[in-house]
Amino acid sequence: MIERYTRPRMGHIWDFQNKFDIWREIEVLACEAQAELGSCGITKEEAQWIREHAAADAARIAEIEKTTNHDVIAFTTNMAENIDKDVPEGEEKPSRWVHFGMTSSDLGDTALSYQIVQAADIIIEDIRNLGETCKRRAFELRDTLCVGRTHGIHAEPMTFGMKFGSWAWALNRCLVRMQQAREACAVGAISGAVGTYSSIDPFVERYVCEKLGLTPDPLSTQVLARDRHAQMAAALAVCASVLESIAMQVRLLQQSDVIEAEEPFTKGQKGSSAMPHKRNPITAERVCGMSRIVKANAQVAFDDVALWYERDISHSSAERVALADSFIALDYMFSKMQWMLDGLQVYPDKMAHNLMRTRGLIFSSKVLLALVEAGMTREDAYVVVQRCAMQVWEDIQNAVSGPSFQDLIEADPRVKELEAQGLISAEKIDAIFDPKAFLTRIAPVFDRLEMLEF
């Protein structure tokens, strides 16, 4: 592996100069492989000269490409300029061995695989870091009671730590997908015009791929099949969707009518040019917006899979934009989510307040089961519970200060009849209306989370 390429920043990976530096390395490695093989006439001394003098300058390549209208030829022309400029007059030019027996995709696709692997390694590290943060915060908030919501409506009590725990598991699945996609993309191909090795020995491919940490593609038809890249784009899109899901939760929790949690609001930050009181979830909204880019780019990768016969270049222009943009956007999204979730402000007192805002309606499922256990049919019990619940619901919507759900249940004639028969007790009903009664079996949830590794 080439040391200077091992840990670049995400933006640098997709920089033109970095791409040409990788192209240069591939061409040099191919020359060294040819020299070691001894089949085409290049000597080890010439290969060493190429190693020492080869250089590629993005600005110069762009200038040459204005004439050639071919980026690889512009690149090899610039390589030749640098390799041959110090060769004594009358001696053969070592640059003639550059790109010997190769085709453009041998160079471009192998380099792209190397870039994808570099970029994937950064995303994998991002996932691990955010996953560990979510796992840590899950245990910090393991016993912090809050209301669970389905369809946006209060459902049953849960703990806020479970939210972070579910995010940790989702990120763990993202990690598995990214690792699988990385493996699918960690391949190279130096097999000639249509993959037959007609002008180059397979040894060169093996040599170059080994030095780059890639695996030779078992059968490339000039290009690496783009289903590999589509798998990576899909993995990136799912990652973006998971981050969007988490960010949307934060946005919902930060609503003024909920405000159980909010993203950090830093000293000196301003929320609105018109309304000084505003503390808007701008980071979460930014993540949600950027996820649309990554998801849309996955469609580009899917469309790039189908090419004419052994190869065309309809994929090339699209993926040069889509892949780079997706990796850069997702890396940025992870940095924002790491900052946001590590510093997420949580408000347990507001969670406790919201838990009881529906005057006990969140205990309806426990009441239903208790009445069934007391001998009532499920259908009859449902009618009793729903009748009492709807009265409370109507009072809440009309801002009427009426009886609580427990009050109505205790006063219901059918419930009083069961109590008179000794089939249910006031103490039993009181116990039902304890939110902690919903959480007596959540230990396995956190036991499993404890075993989760990133």
Protein backbone atom coordinates (compact mmCIF):
# COMPACT_ATOMS: atom_id res chain seq x y z
CA MET A 1 0.00 0.00 0.00
CA ILE A 2 1.21 3.49 -0.84
CA GLU A 3 1.69 5.28 2.47
CA ARG A 4 0.89 8.78 1.34
CA TYR A 5 -2.51 7.63 0.07
CA THR A 6 -3.63 5.82 3.22
CA ARG A 7 -5.47 8.50 5.23
CA PRO A 8 -6.37 11.54 3.13
CA ARG A 9 -9.30 13.81 3.85
CA MET A 10 -12.47 12.96 1.96
CA GLY A 11 -12.33 15.98 -0.32
CA HIS A 12 -8.71 15.27 -1.21
CA ILE A 13 -9.57 11.77 -2.40
CA TRP A 14 -11.74 13.18 -5.18
CA ASP A 15 -9.39 16.02 -6.10
CA PHE A 16 -8.09 15.90 -9.69
CA GLN A 17 -4.47 15.98 -8.54
CA ASN A 18 -5.00 13.03 -6.22
CA LYS A 19 -6.63 11.07 -9.04
CA PHE A 20 -3.68 11.77 -11.33
CA ASP A 21 -1.23 10.84 -8.56
CA ILE A 22 -2.97 7.46 -8.30
CA TRP A 23 -2.92 7.10 -12.10
CA ARG A 24 0.79 7.85 -12.00
CA GLU A 25 1.35 5.16 -9.36
CA ILE A 26 -0.58 2.57 -11.35
CA GLU A 27 1.42 3.31 -14.50
CA VAL A 28 4.70 3.12 -12.59
CA LEU A 29 3.70 -0.16 -10.94
CA ALA A 30 2.74 -1.56 -14.34
CA CYS A 31 6.18 -0.66 -15.70
CA GLU A 32 7.86 -2.29 -12.70
CA ALA A 33 5.74 -5.41 -13.22
CA GLN A 34 6.67 -5.52 -16.93
CA ALA A 35 10.36 -5.17 -16.03
CA GLU A 36 10.13 -7.98 -13.49
CA LEU A 37 8.27 -10.14 -15.98
CA GLY A 38 10.84 -9.41 -18.71
CA SER A 39 8.48 -9.95 -21.62
CA CYS A 40 8.26 -6.61 -23.42
CA GLY A 41 11.80 -5.22 -23.37
CA ILE A 42 11.65 -2.71 -20.50
CA THR A 43 14.62 -3.04 -18.18
CA LYS A 44 14.58 -2.66 -14.42
CA GLU A 45 16.81 0.38 -14.84
CA GLU A 46 14.22 2.00 -17.09
CA ALA A 47 11.47 1.15 -14.64
CA GLN A 48 13.52 2.76 -11.88
CA TRP A 49 14.05 5.86 -14.03
CA ILE A 50 10.28 6.04 -14.60
CA ARG A 51 9.68 5.70 -10.86
CA GLU A 52 12.07 8.56 -10.10
CA HIS A 53 10.97 10.97 -12.86
CA ALA A 54 7.28 10.29 -13.42
CA ALA A 55 5.02 13.15 -12.44
CA ALA A 56 1.55 14.35 -13.32
CA ASP A 57 0.33 17.92 -13.00
CA ALA A 58 -3.44 18.50 -13.06
CA ALA A 59 -3.15 21.98 -14.58
CA ARG A 60 -0.85 20.81 -17.38
CA ILE A 61 -3.08 17.78 -18.09
CA ALA A 62 -6.11 20.06 -18.37
CA GLU A 63 -4.20 22.23 -20.84
CA ILE A 64 -3.23 19.25 -23.00
CA GLU A 65 -6.76 17.83 -22.86
CA LYS A 66 -8.07 20.95 -24.59
CA THR A 67 -6.34 19.58 -27.68
CA THR A 68 -6.60 15.80 -27.21
CA ASN A 69 -10.14 15.77 -25.83
CA HIS A 70 -9.04 12.60 -24.05
CA ASP A 71 -8.05 12.72 -20.40
CA VAL A 72 -5.90 9.57 -20.34
CA ILE A 73 -3.91 10.61 -23.42
CA ALA A 74 -3.45 14.06 -21.91
CA PHE A 75 -2.20 12.37 -18.75
CA THR A 76 0.25 10.04 -20.51
CA THR A 77 1.52 12.97 -22.60
CA ASN A 78 2.26 14.91 -19.43
CA MET A 79 3.89 11.84 -17.90
CA ALA A 80 6.14 11.52 -20.95
CA GLU A 81 7.13 15.17 -20.72
CA ASN A 82 8.37 14.68 -17.17
CA ILE A 83 9.94 11.26 -17.66
CA ASP A 84 11.92 12.18 -20.76
CA LYS A 85 12.98 15.76 -20.06
CA ASP A 86 16.30 14.74 -18.42
CA VAL A 87 17.08 11.85 -20.75
CA PRO A 88 20.40 12.52 -22.55
CA GLU A 89 20.14 13.38 -26.23
CA GLY A 90 20.22 10.34 -28.48
CA GLU A 91 19.11 7.82 -25.84
CA GLU A 92 15.81 5.98 -26.08
CA LYS A 93 12.92 7.54 -24.19
CA PRO A 94 11.77 5.44 -21.18
CA SER A 95 8.27 6.94 -21.46
CA ARG A 96 7.53 4.59 -24.36
CA TRP A 97 6.83 1.86 -21.77
CA VAL A 98 4.15 3.88 -19.96
CA HIS A 99 0.64 2.47 -20.58
CA PHE A 100 2.20 -0.41 -22.56
CA GLY A 101 -0.53 -2.95 -23.46
CA MET A 102 -3.09 -1.11 -21.36
CA THR A 103 -6.37 0.56 -22.21
CA SER A 104 -7.87 3.66 -20.62
CA SER A 105 -10.26 1.78 -18.35
CA ASP A 106 -7.44 -0.37 -16.99
CA LEU A 107 -6.06 2.83 -15.55
CA GLY A 108 -9.23 4.74 -14.73
CA ASP A 109 -11.28 1.92 -13.24
CA THR A 110 -8.46 0.55 -11.10
CA ALA A 111 -7.75 4.03 -9.79
CA LEU A 112 -11.45 4.61 -9.13
CA SER A 113 -11.57 1.40 -7.09
CA TYR A 114 -8.65 2.65 -5.04
CA GLN A 115 -10.40 5.98 -4.46
CA ILE A 116 -13.63 4.22 -3.47
CA VAL A 117 -11.77 2.05 -0.97
CA GLN A 118 -10.08 5.10 0.54
CA ALA A 119 -13.39 6.92 0.78
CA ALA A 120 -15.23 3.88 2.16
CA ASP A 121 -12.65 3.54 4.93
CA ILE A 122 -13.43 7.08 6.05
CA ILE A 123 -17.18 6.41 6.04
CA ILE A 124 -16.64 3.18 7.97
CA GLU A 125 -14.73 5.13 10.60
CA ASP A 126 -17.54 7.73 10.65
CA ILE A 127 -20.13 5.00 11.24
CA ARG A 128 -18.13 3.46 14.06
CA ASN A 129 -17.63 6.78 15.82
CA LEU A 130 -21.29 7.76 15.65
CA GLY A 131 -22.40 4.25 16.59
CA GLU A 132 -20.25 4.31 19.71
CA THR A 133 -21.68 7.72 20.62
CA CYS A 134 -25.24 6.44 20.28
CA LYS A 135 -24.46 3.35 22.33
CA ARG A 136 -22.86 5.42 25.10
CA ARG A 137 -25.75 7.86 25.26
CA ALA A 138 -28.26 4.99 25.24
CA PHE A 139 -26.86 3.76 28.53
CA GLU A 140 -26.66 7.30 29.92
CA LEU A 141 -30.41 7.65 29.32
CA ARG A 142 -31.38 4.04 29.92
CA ASP A 143 -33.84 4.87 32.71
CA THR A 144 -35.05 8.27 31.47
CA LEU A 145 -38.80 7.86 31.03
CA CYS A 146 -40.50 9.34 27.99
CA VAL A 147 -43.59 8.65 25.95
CA GLY A 148 -43.35 6.49 22.87
CA ARG A 149 -45.28 7.73 19.85
CA THR A 150 -46.81 5.90 16.91
CA HIS A 151 -48.25 7.92 14.03
CA GLY A 152 -47.06 10.93 16.06
CA ILE A 153 -49.67 10.07 18.74
CA HIS A 154 -48.81 9.13 22.31
CA ALA A 155 -48.66 5.33 22.60
CA GLU A 156 -46.95 3.83 25.70
CA PRO A 157 -44.07 4.75 28.04
CA MET A 158 -40.53 3.86 27.01
CA THR A 159 -37.10 5.27 27.84
CA PHE A 160 -35.15 7.85 25.91
CA GLY A 161 -32.15 5.56 25.98
CA MET A 162 -34.04 3.18 23.70
CA LYS A 163 -34.07 5.86 21.00
CA PHE A 164 -30.29 6.10 21.05
CA GLY A 165 -30.09 2.31 21.20
CA SER A 166 -32.22 1.90 18.08
CA TRP A 167 -29.98 4.40 16.28
CA ALA A 168 -26.90 2.43 17.34
CA TRP A 169 -28.35 -0.76 15.85
CA ALA A 170 -29.26 1.01 12.61
CA LEU A 171 -25.70 2.31 12.33
CA ASN A 172 -24.36 -1.17 12.97
CA ARG A 173 -26.34 -2.40 9.97
CA CYS A 174 -24.92 0.49 7.96
CA LEU A 175 -21.45 -0.66 8.96
CA VAL A 176 -22.09 -4.18 7.66
CA ARG A 177 -23.41 -2.83 4.36
CA MET A 178 -20.45 -0.51 3.91
CA GLN A 179 -17.97 -3.26 4.62
CA GLN A 180 -19.67 -5.53 2.09
CA ALA A 181 -19.77 -2.74 -0.51
CA ARG A 182 -16.11 -1.93 0.13
CA GLU A 183 -15.20 -5.55 -0.54
CA ALA A 184 -17.23 -5.56 -3.75
CA CYS A 185 -15.42 -2.44 -4.99
CA ALA A 186 -11.90 -3.37 -3.90
CA VAL A 187 -11.02 -4.84 -7.29
CA GLY A 188 -8.76 -3.79 -10.13
CA ALA A 189 -8.50 -4.69 -13.81
CA ILE A 190 -5.56 -4.44 -16.19
CA SER A 191 -6.70 -6.82 -18.87
CA GLY A 192 -6.64 -4.86 -22.11
CA ALA A 193 -9.19 -3.66 -24.65
CA VAL A 194 -11.96 -6.19 -24.02
CA GLY A 195 -10.53 -8.13 -21.10
CA THR A 196 -8.63 -10.80 -23.03
CA TYR A 197 -5.10 -9.81 -21.93
CA SER A 198 -4.26 -9.70 -25.61
CA SER A 199 -1.37 -7.25 -25.13
CA ILE A 200 -0.53 -7.59 -21.45
CA ASP A 201 0.29 -10.49 -19.18
CA PRO A 202 -2.12 -11.16 -16.26
CA PHE A 203 0.95 -10.95 -14.00
CA VAL A 204 0.91 -7.18 -14.42
CA GLU A 205 -2.66 -7.01 -13.16
CA ARG A 206 -1.85 -9.21 -10.16
CA TYR A 207 1.26 -7.19 -9.36
CA VAL A 208 -0.44 -3.80 -9.53
CA CYS A 209 -3.51 -4.92 -7.60
CA GLU A 210 -1.44 -6.47 -4.83
CA LYS A 211 0.56 -3.27 -4.39
CA LEU A 212 -2.68 -1.25 -4.21
CA GLY A 213 -4.43 -3.63 -1.83
CA LEU A 214 -6.98 -4.65 -4.46
CA THR A 215 -8.09 -8.01 -5.86
CA PRO A 216 -7.94 -8.69 -9.63
CA ASP A 217 -11.40 -8.81 -11.15
CA PRO A 218 -12.07 -12.40 -12.30
CA LEU A 219 -13.44 -11.24 -15.65
CA SER A 220 -13.46 -7.62 -16.75
CA THR A 221 -14.66 -6.58 -20.19
CA GLN A 222 -12.45 -3.52 -20.38
CA VAL A 223 -14.47 -1.94 -17.56
CA LEU A 224 -15.24 -3.17 -14.08
CA ALA A 225 -18.93 -4.07 -13.97
CA ARG A 226 -20.88 -1.17 -12.48
CA ASP A 227 -23.08 -3.33 -10.28
CA ARG A 228 -20.15 -3.07 -7.86
CA HIS A 229 -20.40 0.71 -7.82
CA ALA A 230 -24.19 0.53 -7.58
CA GLN A 231 -23.83 -1.60 -4.45
CA MET A 232 -21.61 1.08 -2.93
CA ALA A 233 -23.97 3.89 -3.94
CA ALA A 234 -26.86 1.95 -2.40
CA ALA A 235 -24.92 1.48 0.84
CA LEU A 236 -24.18 5.22 0.92
CA ALA A 237 -27.84 6.00 0.27
CA VAL A 238 -29.02 3.74 3.09
CA CYS A 239 -26.50 5.42 5.41
CA ALA A 240 -27.88 8.79 4.38
CA SER A 241 -31.42 7.56 4.97
CA VAL A 242 -30.52 6.38 8.48
CA LEU A 243 -28.93 9.73 9.32
CA GLU A 244 -32.01 11.46 7.91
CA SER A 245 -34.23 9.31 10.10
CA ILE A 246 -32.26 10.24 13.22
CA ALA A 247 -32.13 13.91 12.27
CA MET A 248 -35.88 13.94 11.66
CA GLN A 249 -36.42 12.52 15.15
CA VAL A 250 -34.37 15.37 16.58
CA ARG A 251 -36.42 17.89 14.58
CA LEU A 252 -39.65 16.42 15.93
CA LEU A 253 -38.37 16.32 19.50
CA GLN A 254 -37.29 19.96 19.22
CA GLN A 255 -40.72 21.25 18.20
CA SER A 256 -41.96 23.92 20.61
CA ASP A 257 -44.96 21.79 21.57
CA VAL A 258 -42.71 18.83 22.40
CA ILE A 259 -39.19 20.14 23.27
CA GLU A 260 -37.92 16.94 24.87
CA ALA A 261 -34.54 17.34 23.21
CA GLU A 262 -32.74 19.81 20.96
CA GLU A 263 -29.53 20.05 19.03
CA PRO A 264 -26.75 22.20 20.56
CA PHE A 265 -27.22 25.95 20.32
CA THR A 266 -23.80 27.53 20.58
CA LYS A 267 -22.83 30.82 22.21
CA GLY A 268 -23.40 33.70 19.82
CA GLN A 269 -25.56 31.62 17.48
CA LYS A 270 -28.62 33.34 15.98
CA GLY A 271 -31.80 31.51 15.08
CA SER A 272 -33.72 33.99 12.99
CA SER A 273 -33.08 37.36 11.42
CA ALA A 274 -36.58 38.48 12.39
CA MET A 275 -37.36 36.57 15.61
CA PRO A 276 -34.58 36.62 18.22
CA HIS A 277 -36.25 33.91 20.31
CA LYS A 278 -35.83 31.19 17.69
CA ARG A 279 -33.63 28.11 18.28
CA ASN A 280 -34.09 26.21 15.05
CA PRO A 281 -32.92 22.63 14.32
CA ILE A 282 -30.83 23.82 11.40
CA THR A 283 -28.21 21.08 11.57
CA ALA A 284 -30.81 18.32 11.59
CA GLU A 285 -32.60 20.01 8.71
CA ARG A 286 -29.34 20.28 6.78
CA VAL A 287 -28.72 16.56 7.21
CA CYS A 288 -32.24 15.75 6.00
CA GLY A 289 -31.74 17.95 2.95
CA MET A 290 -28.35 16.52 2.03
CA SER A 291 -29.64 12.96 2.30
CA ARG A 292 -31.74 13.71 -0.77
CA ILE A 293 -28.56 14.23 -2.79
CA VAL A 294 -27.03 10.92 -1.74
CA LYS A 295 -30.27 9.00 -2.33
CA ALA A 296 -30.76 10.59 -5.74
CA ASN A 297 -27.18 9.76 -6.71
CA ALA A 298 -27.85 6.09 -6.01
CA GLN A 299 -30.27 6.13 -8.93
CA VAL A 300 -27.44 7.42 -11.12
CA ALA A 301 -25.33 4.42 -10.10
CA PHE A 302 -28.18 2.01 -10.86
CA ASP A 303 -28.55 3.53 -14.32
CA ASP A 304 -24.79 3.19 -14.89
CA VAL A 305 -24.92 -0.61 -14.62
CA ALA A 306 -26.29 -1.15 -18.13
CA LEU A 307 -23.62 -0.44 -20.78
CA TRP A 308 -23.44 -1.29 -24.49
CA TYR A 309 -21.77 -4.63 -25.15
CA GLU A 310 -18.39 -4.77 -23.38
CA ARG A 311 -18.27 -1.07 -22.65
CA ASP A 312 -19.37 2.45 -23.44
CA ILE A 313 -18.70 5.63 -21.49
CA SER A 314 -22.22 6.75 -20.64
CA HIS A 315 -21.46 5.89 -17.02
CA SER A 316 -18.21 7.83 -16.83
CA SER A 317 -19.42 11.42 -16.84
CA ALA A 318 -22.27 10.69 -14.43
CA GLU A 319 -20.27 8.74 -11.84
CA ARG A 320 -17.48 11.32 -11.74
CA VAL A 321 -20.01 13.68 -10.23
CA ALA A 322 -22.31 11.32 -8.33
CA LEU A 323 -19.74 9.17 -6.51
CA ALA A 324 -17.59 12.05 -5.33
CA ASP A 325 -20.59 14.11 -4.28
CA SER A 326 -22.15 11.21 -2.36
CA PHE A 327 -19.00 10.37 -0.42
CA ILE A 328 -18.23 14.00 0.39
CA ALA A 329 -21.83 14.79 1.37
CA LEU A 330 -22.16 11.70 3.57
CA ASP A 331 -18.87 12.32 5.34
CA TYR A 332 -20.03 15.86 6.07
CA MET A 333 -23.40 14.58 7.30
CA PHE A 334 -21.65 12.22 9.70
CA SER A 335 -19.51 15.04 11.08
CA LYS A 336 -22.64 17.10 11.74
CA MET A 337 -24.50 14.17 13.32
CA GLN A 338 -21.54 13.35 15.54
CA TRP A 339 -21.52 16.92 16.85
CA MET A 340 -25.29 16.96 17.24
CA LEU A 341 -25.84 13.63 18.99
CA ASP A 342 -22.81 13.87 21.23
CA GLY A 343 -24.08 17.24 22.46
CA LEU A 344 -27.82 16.61 22.15
CA GLN A 345 -29.61 18.46 24.94
CA VAL A 346 -32.23 16.28 26.64
CA TYR A 347 -34.94 17.47 29.02
CA PRO A 348 -36.18 14.67 31.33
CA ASP A 349 -38.58 16.95 33.20
CA LYS A 350 -40.33 17.88 29.95
CA MET A 351 -40.42 14.20 29.02
CA ALA A 352 -42.14 13.44 32.34
CA HIS A 353 -44.58 16.29 31.76
CA ASN A 354 -45.42 15.11 28.24
CA LEU A 355 -45.83 11.54 29.48
CA MET A 356 -48.90 12.59 31.46
CA ARG A 357 -50.30 15.19 29.07
CA THR A 358 -53.02 12.80 27.90
CA ARG A 359 -54.23 12.31 31.51
CA GLY A 360 -53.38 8.63 31.63
CA LEU A 361 -54.49 7.50 28.17
CA ILE A 362 -51.07 5.89 27.63
CA PHE A 363 -52.09 3.20 30.11
CA SER A 364 -55.06 1.99 28.04
CA SER A 365 -53.35 -1.21 26.86
CA LYS A 366 -52.58 -2.28 30.43
CA VAL A 367 -56.17 -1.56 31.50
CA LEU A 368 -57.47 -3.60 28.56
CA LEU A 369 -55.37 -6.61 29.52
CA ALA A 370 -56.29 -6.30 33.20
CA LEU A 371 -60.02 -6.37 32.38
CA VAL A 372 -59.52 -9.42 30.17
CA GLU A 373 -57.60 -11.16 32.98
CA ALA A 374 -60.49 -10.27 35.31
CA GLY A 375 -62.89 -12.27 33.11
CA MET A 376 -64.26 -9.75 30.62
CA THR A 377 -64.18 -10.63 26.93
CA ARG A 378 -61.65 -8.70 24.90
CA GLU A 379 -64.41 -7.10 22.84
CA ASP A 380 -66.33 -5.91 25.92
CA ALA A 381 -63.14 -4.71 27.61
CA TYR A 382 -62.19 -2.76 24.50
CA VAL A 383 -65.57 -1.00 24.51
CA VAL A 384 -65.17 0.03 28.16
CA VAL A 385 -61.61 1.27 27.75
CA GLN A 386 -62.27 3.11 24.50
CA ARG A 387 -65.41 4.78 25.88
CA CYS A 388 -63.51 6.20 28.84
CA ALA A 389 -60.53 7.11 26.68
CA MET A 390 -62.60 9.03 24.12
CA GLN A 391 -64.19 11.12 26.86
CA VAL A 392 -60.74 12.12 28.11
CA TRP A 393 -59.56 12.71 24.53
CA GLU A 394 -62.50 15.04 23.86
CA ASP A 395 -61.85 16.99 27.05
CA ILE A 396 -58.18 17.43 26.09
CA GLN A 397 -59.02 18.66 22.59
CA ASN A 398 -61.53 21.15 23.98
CA ALA A 399 -59.17 22.26 26.76
CA VAL A 400 -61.69 21.11 29.36
CA SER A 401 -60.39 20.24 32.82
CA GLY A 402 -62.17 16.95 33.35
CA PRO A 403 -61.55 13.62 35.08
CA SER A 404 -58.49 11.56 34.31
CA PHE A 405 -58.58 8.28 32.46
CA GLN A 406 -58.02 6.42 35.74
CA ASP A 407 -60.90 8.28 37.37
CA LEU A 408 -63.26 7.23 34.57
CA ILE A 409 -62.08 3.62 34.60
CA GLU A 410 -62.55 3.34 38.35
CA ALA A 411 -66.04 4.86 38.04
CA ASP A 412 -67.17 2.66 35.15
CA PRO A 413 -70.07 0.35 36.13
CA ARG A 414 -68.54 -2.72 34.48
CA VAL A 415 -65.26 -2.18 36.34
CA LYS A 416 -67.10 -1.62 39.64
CA GLU A 417 -68.96 -4.86 39.06
CA LEU A 418 -65.66 -6.75 38.63
CA GLU A 419 -64.31 -5.06 41.75
CA ALA A 420 -67.40 -6.06 43.74
CA GLN A 421 -66.85 -9.66 42.63
CA GLY A 422 -63.24 -9.51 43.83
CA LEU A 423 -61.95 -10.03 40.30
CA ILE A 424 -60.04 -6.75 40.24
CA SER A 425 -58.88 -4.42 43.00
CA ALA A 426 -58.22 -0.72 43.46
CA GLU A 427 -54.61 -1.61 44.18
CA LYS A 428 -54.40 -3.48 40.89
CA ILE A 429 -55.72 -0.47 39.02
CA ASP A 430 -53.28 1.85 40.80
CA ALA A 431 -50.40 -0.41 39.81
CA ILE A 432 -51.51 -0.29 36.19
CA PHE A 433 -51.12 3.48 36.13
CA ASP A 434 -47.40 3.36 36.96
CA PRO A 435 -45.30 4.06 33.82
CA LYS A 436 -42.51 1.87 35.14
CA ALA A 437 -44.83 -1.11 34.85
CA PHE A 438 -44.23 -1.00 31.11
CA LEU A 439 -40.49 -1.37 31.56
CA THR A 440 -40.11 -4.47 33.69
CA ARG A 441 -38.84 -6.51 30.75
CA ILE A 442 -36.54 -4.09 28.90
CA ALA A 443 -33.35 -5.48 30.45
CA PRO A 444 -32.74 -7.80 27.45
CA VAL A 445 -32.89 -4.77 25.14
CA PHE A 446 -29.90 -3.22 26.88
CA ASP A 447 -28.17 -6.56 27.41
CA ARG A 448 -28.14 -7.02 23.64
CA LEU A 449 -27.01 -3.45 23.15
CA GLU A 450 -24.14 -4.03 25.57
CA MET A 451 -22.82 -6.74 23.24
CA LEU A 452 -22.97 -4.51 20.16
CA GLU A 453 -19.53 -3.74 18.71
CA PHE A 454 -18.43 -1.18 16.13
